[in-house]
Amino acid sequence: MIAQDTSAVDVALAALISSDATLAGLLPDGVWWGVAPAGATRFVILAQVDHGDAYTIGNGVAWDRIVYLAKAVTAGDSGSLANQAAAQIHKILQGAVIQATGYHPSIVVQRLERVRPPVEIDDQTDQRWHHAGGQYEILITPLPEQGDR
């Protein structure tokens, strides 16, 4: 078994977060990888921050360990909405089961650390941006490829 592209895990993670009605009500501008579109003011940003494969002798990849940043981003004077949305992200992800194409259901989804960077201020518009979320570790095992059995 060879290491595979983990983008199916990215897709499954984004789908899980996007499917939560409570979070969609708090952050109606959606879930985005890396950067949201212009004009968005309440959204989730996802990013992969670390990845590693664990191998077994003769059998290839035992599991993938992927660490994602999942954070709420909100514009405004108060960070309370970002904090509320971050709590909902945690409720969705902590202990969740990720179902990704080409993988067994996830073994572990757990927060490694809370993320709450300082408020950002846009120099041109004076708009305040609040960020809150966490780094989440996913351990997931690839399915055997045809011929690997």
Protein backbone atom coordinates (compact mmCIF):
# COMPACT_ATOMS: atom_id res chain seq x y z
CA MET A 1 0.00 0.00 0.00
CA ILE A 2 1.37 3.39 -0.94
CA ALA A 3 0.69 6.70 0.70
CA GLN A 4 -2.26 8.37 -0.95
CA ASP A 5 -3.43 11.89 -1.57
CA THR A 6 -5.27 12.99 1.57
CA SER A 7 -7.47 15.54 -0.23
CA ALA A 8 -10.46 13.20 0.31
CA VAL A 9 -10.02 13.87 4.05
CA ASP A 10 -10.02 17.63 3.33
CA VAL A 11 -13.31 17.25 1.45
CA ALA A 12 -14.90 15.14 4.21
CA LEU A 13 -13.82 17.61 6.91
CA ALA A 14 -15.23 20.60 5.01
CA ALA A 15 -18.49 18.72 4.33
CA LEU A 16 -18.89 17.83 8.02
CA ILE A 17 -18.40 21.43 9.14
CA SER A 18 -20.55 22.84 6.31
CA SER A 19 -23.46 20.54 7.17
CA ASP A 20 -24.00 22.00 10.67
CA ALA A 21 -27.06 24.28 10.65
CA THR A 22 -26.11 26.06 13.89
CA LEU A 23 -22.68 26.99 12.55
CA ALA A 24 -24.17 28.08 9.22
CA GLY A 25 -26.48 30.42 11.15
CA LEU A 26 -23.54 31.94 13.01
CA LEU A 27 -21.21 32.12 10.00
CA PRO A 28 -23.41 32.39 6.90
CA ASP A 29 -20.57 33.21 4.49
CA GLY A 30 -19.46 29.56 4.41
CA VAL A 31 -16.44 27.33 4.90
CA TRP A 32 -13.29 28.13 2.93
CA TRP A 33 -9.78 26.75 2.51
CA GLY A 34 -7.14 29.34 3.31
CA VAL A 35 -9.02 32.51 2.38
CA ALA A 36 -12.65 33.58 2.00
CA PRO A 37 -13.95 35.54 -0.98
CA ALA A 38 -14.05 39.33 -0.98
CA GLY A 39 -17.03 40.72 0.90
CA ALA A 40 -17.35 37.78 3.32
CA THR A 41 -17.56 38.91 6.96
CA ARG A 42 -18.55 35.77 8.92
CA PHE A 43 -16.96 32.50 7.82
CA VAL A 44 -14.86 29.44 8.68
CA ILE A 45 -11.30 29.06 7.46
CA LEU A 46 -9.72 25.61 7.18
CA ALA A 47 -6.04 24.90 6.55
CA GLN A 48 -3.81 21.86 6.84
CA VAL A 49 -0.96 22.69 9.22
CA ASP A 50 0.77 19.29 9.52
CA HIS A 51 0.70 15.81 8.02
CA GLY A 52 2.57 12.59 8.62
CA ASP A 53 2.23 8.96 7.63
CA ALA A 54 2.79 6.08 10.05
CA TYR A 55 4.10 2.98 8.28
CA THR A 56 4.12 -0.70 9.09
CA ILE A 57 6.78 -3.09 7.87
CA GLY A 58 5.69 -4.59 4.57
CA ASN A 59 2.16 -3.19 4.66
CA GLY A 60 2.64 0.47 3.80
CA VAL A 61 0.70 3.23 5.49
CA ALA A 62 -0.89 2.25 8.82
CA TRP A 63 -2.56 5.64 9.19
CA ASP A 64 -2.33 9.28 8.21
CA ARG A 65 -2.02 11.93 10.91
CA ILE A 66 -3.36 15.25 9.66
CA VAL A 67 -3.58 18.43 11.72
CA TYR A 68 -6.01 21.07 10.54
CA LEU A 69 -6.66 24.62 11.61
CA ALA A 70 -10.41 25.24 11.87
CA LYS A 71 -11.28 28.79 12.87
CA ALA A 72 -14.16 31.21 12.86
CA VAL A 73 -13.48 34.64 11.40
CA THR A 74 -15.83 37.54 12.04
CA ALA A 75 -15.79 41.25 11.32
CA GLY A 76 -16.94 43.69 13.98
CA ASP A 77 -16.08 45.34 17.26
CA SER A 78 -16.71 42.28 19.46
CA GLY A 79 -15.12 38.85 19.37
CA SER A 80 -18.08 37.14 21.04
CA LEU A 81 -19.50 35.80 17.77
CA ALA A 82 -16.14 34.33 16.80
CA ASN A 83 -15.88 32.68 20.23
CA GLN A 84 -19.42 31.30 19.98
CA ALA A 85 -18.71 29.90 16.50
CA ALA A 86 -15.40 28.40 17.68
CA ALA A 87 -17.29 26.59 20.44
CA GLN A 88 -19.66 25.19 17.81
CA ILE A 89 -16.73 24.10 15.62
CA HIS A 90 -15.33 22.28 18.65
CA LYS A 91 -18.70 20.64 19.30
CA ILE A 92 -18.77 19.41 15.68
CA LEU A 93 -15.19 18.14 15.52
CA GLN A 94 -14.18 16.85 18.96
CA GLY A 95 -14.63 13.07 18.81
CA ALA A 96 -16.28 13.21 15.36
CA VAL A 97 -16.03 10.39 12.85
CA ILE A 98 -14.65 11.51 9.50
CA GLN A 99 -15.90 9.42 6.55
CA ALA A 100 -13.49 10.03 3.66
CA THR A 101 -13.43 8.24 0.31
CA GLY A 102 -10.60 5.70 0.25
CA TYR A 103 -10.31 5.55 4.04
CA HIS A 104 -11.75 3.65 6.96
CA PRO A 105 -13.73 5.94 9.33
CA SER A 106 -11.38 8.12 11.37
CA ILE A 107 -9.79 6.67 14.47
CA VAL A 108 -9.40 9.97 16.31
CA VAL A 109 -10.48 13.59 15.91
CA GLN A 110 -9.27 15.72 18.79
CA ARG A 111 -8.31 19.32 19.45
CA LEU A 112 -4.62 19.76 20.09
CA GLU A 113 -4.81 23.42 20.98
CA ARG A 114 -7.14 26.36 21.09
CA VAL A 115 -6.37 29.21 18.68
CA ARG A 116 -7.25 32.83 19.50
CA PRO A 117 -4.83 35.22 17.77
CA PRO A 118 -4.94 38.97 18.35
CA VAL A 119 -7.59 41.04 16.60
CA GLU A 120 -6.54 42.15 13.13
CA ILE A 121 -7.29 45.70 12.01
CA ASP A 122 -7.54 46.56 8.33
CA ASP A 123 -5.33 49.63 7.84
CA GLN A 124 -7.50 51.08 5.09
CA THR A 125 -11.02 50.49 6.42
CA ASP A 126 -10.34 50.25 10.18
CA GLN A 127 -12.40 47.01 10.14
CA ARG A 128 -11.68 44.68 13.07
CA TRP A 129 -11.34 40.93 12.37
CA HIS A 130 -11.70 38.35 15.15
CA HIS A 131 -10.36 34.81 14.86
CA ALA A 132 -11.12 31.86 17.19
CA GLY A 133 -10.85 28.12 16.74
CA GLY A 134 -8.41 25.32 17.17
CA GLN A 135 -5.96 22.87 15.68
CA TYR A 136 -7.53 19.43 15.28
CA GLU A 137 -5.70 16.16 14.78
CA ILE A 138 -7.25 13.44 12.62
CA LEU A 139 -5.89 9.89 12.57
CA ILE A 140 -7.31 7.94 9.64
CA THR A 141 -6.39 4.65 7.95
CA PRO A 142 -6.36 4.21 4.17
CA LEU A 143 -8.32 1.31 2.71
CA PRO A 144 -6.16 -1.31 0.99
CA GLU A 145 -5.75 -0.70 -2.71
CA GLN A 146 -6.78 -3.40 -5.15
CA GLY A 147 -3.98 -5.96 -5.29
CA ASP A 148 -2.61 -5.02 -1.85
CA ARG A 149 -4.50 -7.77 -0.03
